[in-house]
């Protein structure tokens, strides 16, 4: 198993955790309009988690591309 595979697995776990931490308050009630969609800005930890999720997604995608490129 190469180092890229290990890095990709770690990034996948971190990305799933970051997405699940953001998913508070969203559920099936949002499908039926039960949730009030009020615009509000992200502050504090929520903002850091939002940017960390984006960074993890970009790193995961780059690692996947590098894994494909170096596997040939």
Protein backbone atom coordinates (compact mmCIF):
# COMPACT_ATOMS: atom_id res chain seq x y z
CA UNK A 1 0.00 0.00 0.00
CA UNK A 2 1.48 3.30 -1.04
CA UNK A 3 1.64 6.50 0.96
CA UNK A 4 -0.87 8.18 -1.35
CA UNK A 5 -3.46 5.54 -0.53
CA UNK A 6 -2.97 6.06 3.20
CA UNK A 7 -3.19 9.85 2.82
CA UNK A 8 -6.33 9.49 0.72
CA UNK A 9 -8.00 7.27 3.34
CA UNK A 10 -7.14 9.74 6.12
CA UNK A 11 -8.46 12.66 4.05
CA UNK A 12 -11.67 10.74 3.31
CA UNK A 13 -12.31 10.09 7.00
CA UNK A 14 -11.60 13.74 7.89
CA UNK A 15 -13.84 14.96 5.06
CA UNK A 16 -16.74 12.76 6.17
CA UNK A 17 -16.30 13.96 9.76
CA UNK A 18 -16.25 17.62 8.66
CA UNK A 19 -19.40 17.17 6.58
CA UNK A 20 -21.23 15.38 9.39
CA UNK A 21 -20.29 18.10 11.87
CA UNK A 22 -21.84 20.69 9.55
CA UNK A 23 -25.08 18.78 9.08
CA UNK A 24 -26.73 19.96 12.28
CA UNK A 25 -30.36 20.96 11.92
CA UNK A 26 -30.75 19.52 8.44
CA UNK A 27 -33.00 16.57 8.13
CA UNK A 28 -36.15 15.29 6.53
CA UNK A 29 -38.11 18.30 7.77
CA UNK A 30 -36.19 20.49 5.33
CA UNK A 31 -37.69 18.54 2.43
CA UNK A 32 -41.23 19.44 3.45
CA UNK A 33 -40.49 23.07 4.21
CA UNK A 34 -40.46 22.67 7.96
CA UNK A 35 -37.17 24.44 8.36
CA UNK A 36 -37.05 28.22 8.19
CA UNK A 37 -34.33 29.25 5.78
CA UNK A 38 -33.01 32.42 7.31
CA UNK A 39 -29.86 33.94 5.87
CA UNK A 40 -27.16 34.25 8.46
CA UNK A 41 -23.42 34.55 8.31
CA UNK A 42 -21.07 31.87 9.53
CA UNK A 43 -19.09 32.82 12.59
CA UNK A 44 -16.40 31.28 14.73
CA UNK A 45 -16.01 27.51 14.60
CA UNK A 46 -18.73 27.15 11.96
CA UNK A 47 -16.75 29.35 9.56
CA UNK A 48 -13.49 27.51 10.27
CA UNK A 49 -15.23 24.17 9.72
CA UNK A 50 -16.73 25.43 6.44
CA UNK A 51 -13.33 26.46 5.06
CA UNK A 52 -11.69 23.30 6.39
CA UNK A 53 -14.27 21.21 4.53
CA UNK A 54 -13.48 23.01 1.29
CA UNK A 55 -9.74 22.56 1.84
CA UNK A 56 -10.16 18.85 2.65
CA UNK A 57 -12.27 18.32 -0.47
CA UNK A 58 -9.66 20.00 -2.67
CA UNK A 59 -6.86 17.98 -1.06
CA UNK A 60 -8.84 14.75 -1.45
CA UNK A 61 -9.45 15.46 -5.13
CA UNK A 62 -5.79 16.35 -5.72
CA UNK A 63 -4.67 13.19 -3.93
CA UNK A 64 -7.05 11.10 -6.04
CA UNK A 65 -5.64 12.64 -9.23
CA UNK A 66 -2.08 12.10 -8.05
CA UNK A 67 -2.93 8.52 -7.15
CA UNK A 68 -4.24 7.92 -10.68
CA UNK A 69 -1.25 9.63 -12.28
CA UNK A 70 1.38 7.72 -10.29
CA UNK A 71 -0.33 4.34 -10.55
CA UNK A 72 0.51 4.09 -14.26
